[in-house]
């Protein structure tokens, strides 16, 4: 827990709450070892999310490519305006 608190920069109660929620929905598994609780990511629980996102990946990639074109055009126009001064 202390490692997660330190790495995430969150308070211990916040980390505990997030871990509890992740455990309840099956995204992480926990086992107790003495006084420690060891958490492990359950990748199988993430597969439905991965599959859903994958359906939108192509669309997002195309839109980001279009955004790149627009941003490059704006950049060229700004540079052209600056050169005209």
N, C-alpha and C. Protein backbone atom coordinates (compact mmCIF):
# COMPACT_ATOMS: atom_id res chain seq x y z
N UNK A 1 0.84 -1.19 0.00
CA UNK A 1 0.00 0.00 0.00
C UNK A 1 0.88 1.25 0.00
N UNK A 2 1.90 1.25 0.84
CA UNK A 2 2.76 2.43 0.92
C UNK A 2 3.43 2.73 -0.41
N UNK A 3 3.81 1.69 -1.15
CA UNK A 3 4.42 1.91 -2.46
C UNK A 3 3.43 2.58 -3.41
N UNK A 4 2.19 2.13 -3.40
CA UNK A 4 1.17 2.73 -4.26
C UNK A 4 0.89 4.17 -3.85
N UNK A 5 0.79 4.41 -2.56
CA UNK A 5 0.54 5.77 -2.07
C UNK A 5 1.64 6.70 -2.55
N UNK A 6 2.87 6.24 -2.41
CA UNK A 6 4.03 7.05 -2.81
C UNK A 6 4.05 7.28 -4.34
N UNK A 7 3.84 6.23 -5.10
CA UNK A 7 3.91 6.36 -6.56
C UNK A 7 2.75 7.16 -7.15
N UNK A 8 1.57 7.02 -6.57
CA UNK A 8 0.40 7.71 -7.10
C UNK A 8 0.26 9.13 -6.56
N UNK A 9 0.90 9.41 -5.44
CA UNK A 9 0.78 10.73 -4.84
C UNK A 9 -0.59 11.00 -4.26
N UNK A 10 -1.27 9.93 -3.87
CA UNK A 10 -2.60 10.05 -3.26
C UNK A 10 -2.50 9.70 -1.78
N UNK A 11 -3.51 10.09 -1.05
CA UNK A 11 -3.58 9.72 0.37
C UNK A 11 -3.94 8.24 0.48
N UNK A 12 -3.52 7.62 1.56
CA UNK A 12 -3.76 6.19 1.78
C UNK A 12 -5.24 5.83 1.71
N UNK A 13 -6.15 6.63 2.32
CA UNK A 13 -7.57 6.27 2.20
C UNK A 13 -8.08 6.27 0.76
N UNK A 14 -7.56 7.17 -0.07
CA UNK A 14 -7.97 7.20 -1.48
C UNK A 14 -7.51 5.94 -2.21
N UNK A 15 -6.27 5.54 -1.96
CA UNK A 15 -5.74 4.34 -2.60
C UNK A 15 -6.54 3.12 -2.15
N UNK A 16 -6.83 3.05 -0.86
CA UNK A 16 -7.60 1.92 -0.33
C UNK A 16 -8.98 1.85 -0.98
N UNK A 17 -9.61 3.01 -1.14
CA UNK A 17 -10.94 3.05 -1.75
C UNK A 17 -10.89 2.56 -3.21
N UNK A 18 -9.91 3.04 -3.95
CA UNK A 18 -9.78 2.62 -5.35
C UNK A 18 -9.51 1.12 -5.45
N UNK A 19 -8.64 0.62 -4.60
CA UNK A 19 -8.34 -0.81 -4.62
C UNK A 19 -9.57 -1.63 -4.26
N UNK A 20 -10.35 -1.14 -3.32
CA UNK A 20 -11.58 -1.86 -2.94
C UNK A 20 -12.54 -1.93 -4.12
N UNK A 21 -12.71 -0.81 -4.82
CA UNK A 21 -13.60 -0.78 -5.98
C UNK A 21 -13.08 -1.72 -7.07
N UNK A 22 -11.79 -1.66 -7.34
CA UNK A 22 -11.20 -2.53 -8.36
C UNK A 22 -11.36 -4.00 -7.98
N UNK A 23 -11.24 -4.29 -6.69
CA UNK A 23 -11.41 -5.67 -6.22
C UNK A 23 -12.87 -6.10 -6.37
N UNK A 24 -13.80 -5.22 -6.04
CA UNK A 24 -15.23 -5.55 -6.12
C UNK A 24 -15.67 -5.85 -7.55
N UNK A 25 -15.08 -5.17 -8.52
CA UNK A 25 -15.47 -5.40 -9.91
C UNK A 25 -14.59 -6.45 -10.58
N UNK A 26 -13.64 -7.00 -9.83
CA UNK A 26 -12.84 -8.11 -10.33
C UNK A 26 -11.63 -7.74 -11.15
N UNK A 27 -11.25 -6.46 -11.17
CA UNK A 27 -10.09 -6.04 -11.95
C UNK A 27 -8.78 -6.40 -11.24
N UNK A 28 -8.81 -6.44 -9.93
CA UNK A 28 -7.63 -6.89 -9.19
C UNK A 28 -8.04 -8.02 -8.26
N UNK A 29 -7.09 -8.91 -8.03
CA UNK A 29 -7.25 -9.97 -7.05
C UNK A 29 -6.36 -9.63 -5.86
N UNK A 30 -6.76 -10.06 -4.70
CA UNK A 30 -5.96 -9.77 -3.51
C UNK A 30 -5.77 -11.06 -2.72
N UNK A 31 -4.58 -11.19 -2.16
CA UNK A 31 -4.35 -12.29 -1.23
C UNK A 31 -3.57 -11.73 -0.05
N UNK A 32 -3.87 -12.30 1.08
CA UNK A 32 -3.19 -11.83 2.29
C UNK A 32 -1.98 -12.70 2.56
N UNK A 33 -0.90 -12.04 2.90
CA UNK A 33 0.34 -12.72 3.26
C UNK A 33 0.83 -12.07 4.54
N UNK A 34 0.52 -12.72 5.64
CA UNK A 34 0.84 -12.12 6.94
C UNK A 34 0.01 -10.87 7.13
N UNK A 35 0.69 -9.77 7.40
CA UNK A 35 -0.01 -8.49 7.58
C UNK A 35 -0.16 -7.72 6.28
N UNK A 36 0.36 -8.27 5.21
CA UNK A 36 0.31 -7.58 3.92
C UNK A 36 -0.83 -8.10 3.07
N UNK A 37 -1.31 -7.22 2.22
CA UNK A 37 -2.26 -7.61 1.17
C UNK A 37 -1.55 -7.42 -0.15
N UNK A 38 -1.49 -8.47 -0.91
CA UNK A 38 -0.82 -8.42 -2.20
C UNK A 38 -1.88 -8.37 -3.31
N UNK A 39 -1.80 -7.34 -4.14
CA UNK A 39 -2.77 -7.13 -5.21
C UNK A 39 -2.15 -7.54 -6.54
N UNK A 40 -2.97 -8.13 -7.38
CA UNK A 40 -2.53 -8.57 -8.70
C UNK A 40 -3.60 -8.19 -9.70
N UNK A 41 -3.17 -7.66 -10.83
CA UNK A 41 -4.09 -7.28 -11.88
C UNK A 41 -4.69 -8.52 -12.52
N UNK A 42 -5.99 -8.49 -12.74
CA UNK A 42 -6.70 -9.57 -13.40
C UNK A 42 -6.97 -9.15 -14.84
N UNK A 43 -6.07 -9.51 -15.73
CA UNK A 43 -6.17 -9.10 -17.13
C UNK A 43 -7.43 -9.57 -17.82
N UNK A 44 -7.94 -10.72 -17.42
CA UNK A 44 -9.16 -11.25 -18.05
C UNK A 44 -10.35 -10.31 -17.84
N UNK A 45 -10.36 -9.63 -16.70
CA UNK A 45 -11.46 -8.71 -16.41
C UNK A 45 -11.39 -7.46 -17.29
N UNK A 46 -10.20 -7.16 -17.82
CA UNK A 46 -10.04 -5.98 -18.67
C UNK A 46 -10.34 -6.26 -20.14
N UNK A 47 -10.45 -7.53 -20.52
CA UNK A 47 -10.67 -7.88 -21.93
C UNK A 47 -11.92 -7.25 -22.52
N UNK A 48 -13.06 -7.24 -21.83
CA UNK A 48 -14.24 -6.58 -22.42
C UNK A 48 -14.00 -5.10 -22.70
N UNK A 49 -13.25 -4.43 -21.84
CA UNK A 49 -12.94 -3.02 -22.07
C UNK A 49 -12.03 -2.89 -23.29
N UNK A 50 -11.03 -3.74 -23.37
CA UNK A 50 -10.12 -3.74 -24.52
C UNK A 50 -10.89 -3.97 -25.82
N UNK A 51 -11.77 -4.94 -25.81
CA UNK A 51 -12.55 -5.26 -27.01
C UNK A 51 -13.44 -4.08 -27.42
N UNK A 52 -14.03 -3.41 -26.46
CA UNK A 52 -14.89 -2.27 -26.75
C UNK A 52 -14.07 -1.12 -27.35
N UNK A 53 -12.93 -0.82 -26.72
CA UNK A 53 -12.08 0.27 -27.20
C UNK A 53 -11.54 -0.05 -28.59
N UNK A 54 -11.22 -1.30 -28.83
CA UNK A 54 -10.67 -1.70 -30.12
C UNK A 54 -11.63 -1.35 -31.26
N UNK A 55 -12.92 -1.44 -30.99
CA UNK A 55 -13.91 -1.10 -32.01
C UNK A 55 -13.82 0.36 -32.45
N UNK A 56 -13.34 1.23 -31.59
CA UNK A 56 -13.27 2.65 -31.88
C UNK A 56 -11.86 3.10 -32.29
N UNK A 57 -10.89 2.22 -32.19
CA UNK A 57 -9.50 2.57 -32.45
C UNK A 57 -9.31 3.15 -33.86
N UNK A 58 -9.86 2.50 -34.87
CA UNK A 58 -9.70 2.97 -36.25
C UNK A 58 -10.29 4.36 -36.43
N UNK A 59 -11.49 4.56 -35.90
CA UNK A 59 -12.15 5.86 -36.01
C UNK A 59 -11.32 6.95 -35.33
N UNK A 60 -10.84 6.65 -34.12
CA UNK A 60 -10.03 7.63 -33.40
C UNK A 60 -8.75 7.93 -34.15
N UNK A 61 -8.10 6.92 -34.70
CA UNK A 61 -6.86 7.12 -35.44
C UNK A 61 -7.10 8.02 -36.66
N UNK A 62 -8.18 7.77 -37.37
CA UNK A 62 -8.50 8.60 -38.53
C UNK A 62 -8.76 10.05 -38.12
N UNK A 63 -9.46 10.23 -37.03
CA UNK A 63 -9.76 11.60 -36.56
C UNK A 63 -8.49 12.31 -36.10
N UNK A 64 -7.61 11.58 -35.43
CA UNK A 64 -6.35 12.19 -35.00
C UNK A 64 -5.49 12.54 -36.20
N UNK A 65 -5.52 11.72 -37.24
CA UNK A 65 -4.79 12.04 -38.47
C UNK A 65 -5.34 13.32 -39.09
N UNK A 66 -6.66 13.46 -39.11
CA UNK A 66 -7.29 14.67 -39.65
C UNK A 66 -6.92 15.89 -38.80
N UNK A 67 -6.90 15.69 -37.49
CA UNK A 67 -6.53 16.78 -36.59
C UNK A 67 -5.08 17.22 -36.83
N UNK A 68 -4.20 16.27 -37.08
CA UNK A 68 -2.81 16.59 -37.40
C UNK A 68 -2.72 17.48 -38.63
N UNK A 69 -3.52 17.17 -39.65
CA UNK A 69 -3.52 17.97 -40.88
C UNK A 69 -3.98 19.40 -40.58
N UNK A 70 -5.05 19.52 -39.83
CA UNK A 70 -5.58 20.84 -39.49
C UNK A 70 -4.55 21.63 -38.67
N UNK A 71 -3.94 21.00 -37.70
CA UNK A 71 -2.96 21.68 -36.87
C UNK A 71 -1.74 22.12 -37.67
N UNK A 72 -1.31 21.28 -38.59
CA UNK A 72 -0.18 21.66 -39.46
C UNK A 72 -0.56 22.85 -40.33
N UNK A 73 -1.77 22.88 -40.86
CA UNK A 73 -2.24 24.02 -41.66
C UNK A 73 -2.24 25.30 -40.83
N UNK A 74 -2.76 25.20 -39.62
CA UNK A 74 -2.78 26.37 -38.73
C UNK A 74 -1.37 26.84 -38.41
N UNK A 75 -0.48 25.92 -38.19
CA UNK A 75 0.90 26.25 -37.87
C UNK A 75 1.55 26.99 -39.05
N UNK A 76 1.32 26.49 -40.26
CA UNK A 76 1.88 27.14 -41.46
C UNK A 76 1.30 28.55 -41.63
N UNK A 77 -0.01 28.68 -41.38
CA UNK A 77 -0.63 30.00 -41.51
C UNK A 77 -0.07 30.98 -40.49
N UNK A 78 0.13 30.52 -39.25
CA UNK A 78 0.69 31.39 -38.22
C UNK A 78 2.11 31.81 -38.60
N UNK A 79 2.89 30.88 -39.12
CA UNK A 79 4.25 31.20 -39.52
C UNK A 79 4.24 32.18 -40.70
N UNK A 80 3.30 31.99 -41.61
CA UNK A 80 3.16 32.92 -42.75
C UNK A 80 2.78 34.30 -42.30
N UNK A 81 1.86 34.40 -41.32
CA UNK A 81 1.46 35.70 -40.78
C UNK A 81 2.62 36.38 -40.09
N UNK A 82 3.43 35.63 -39.39
CA UNK A 82 4.58 36.19 -38.68
C UNK A 82 5.62 36.68 -39.67
N UNK A 83 5.79 35.97 -40.79
CA UNK A 83 6.76 36.38 -41.81
C UNK A 83 6.33 37.65 -42.52
N UNK A 84 5.00 37.87 -42.61
CA UNK A 84 4.48 39.04 -43.31
C UNK A 84 4.68 40.33 -42.51
N UNK A 85 5.00 40.23 -41.26
CA UNK A 85 5.11 41.43 -40.41
C UNK A 85 6.39 42.15 -40.62
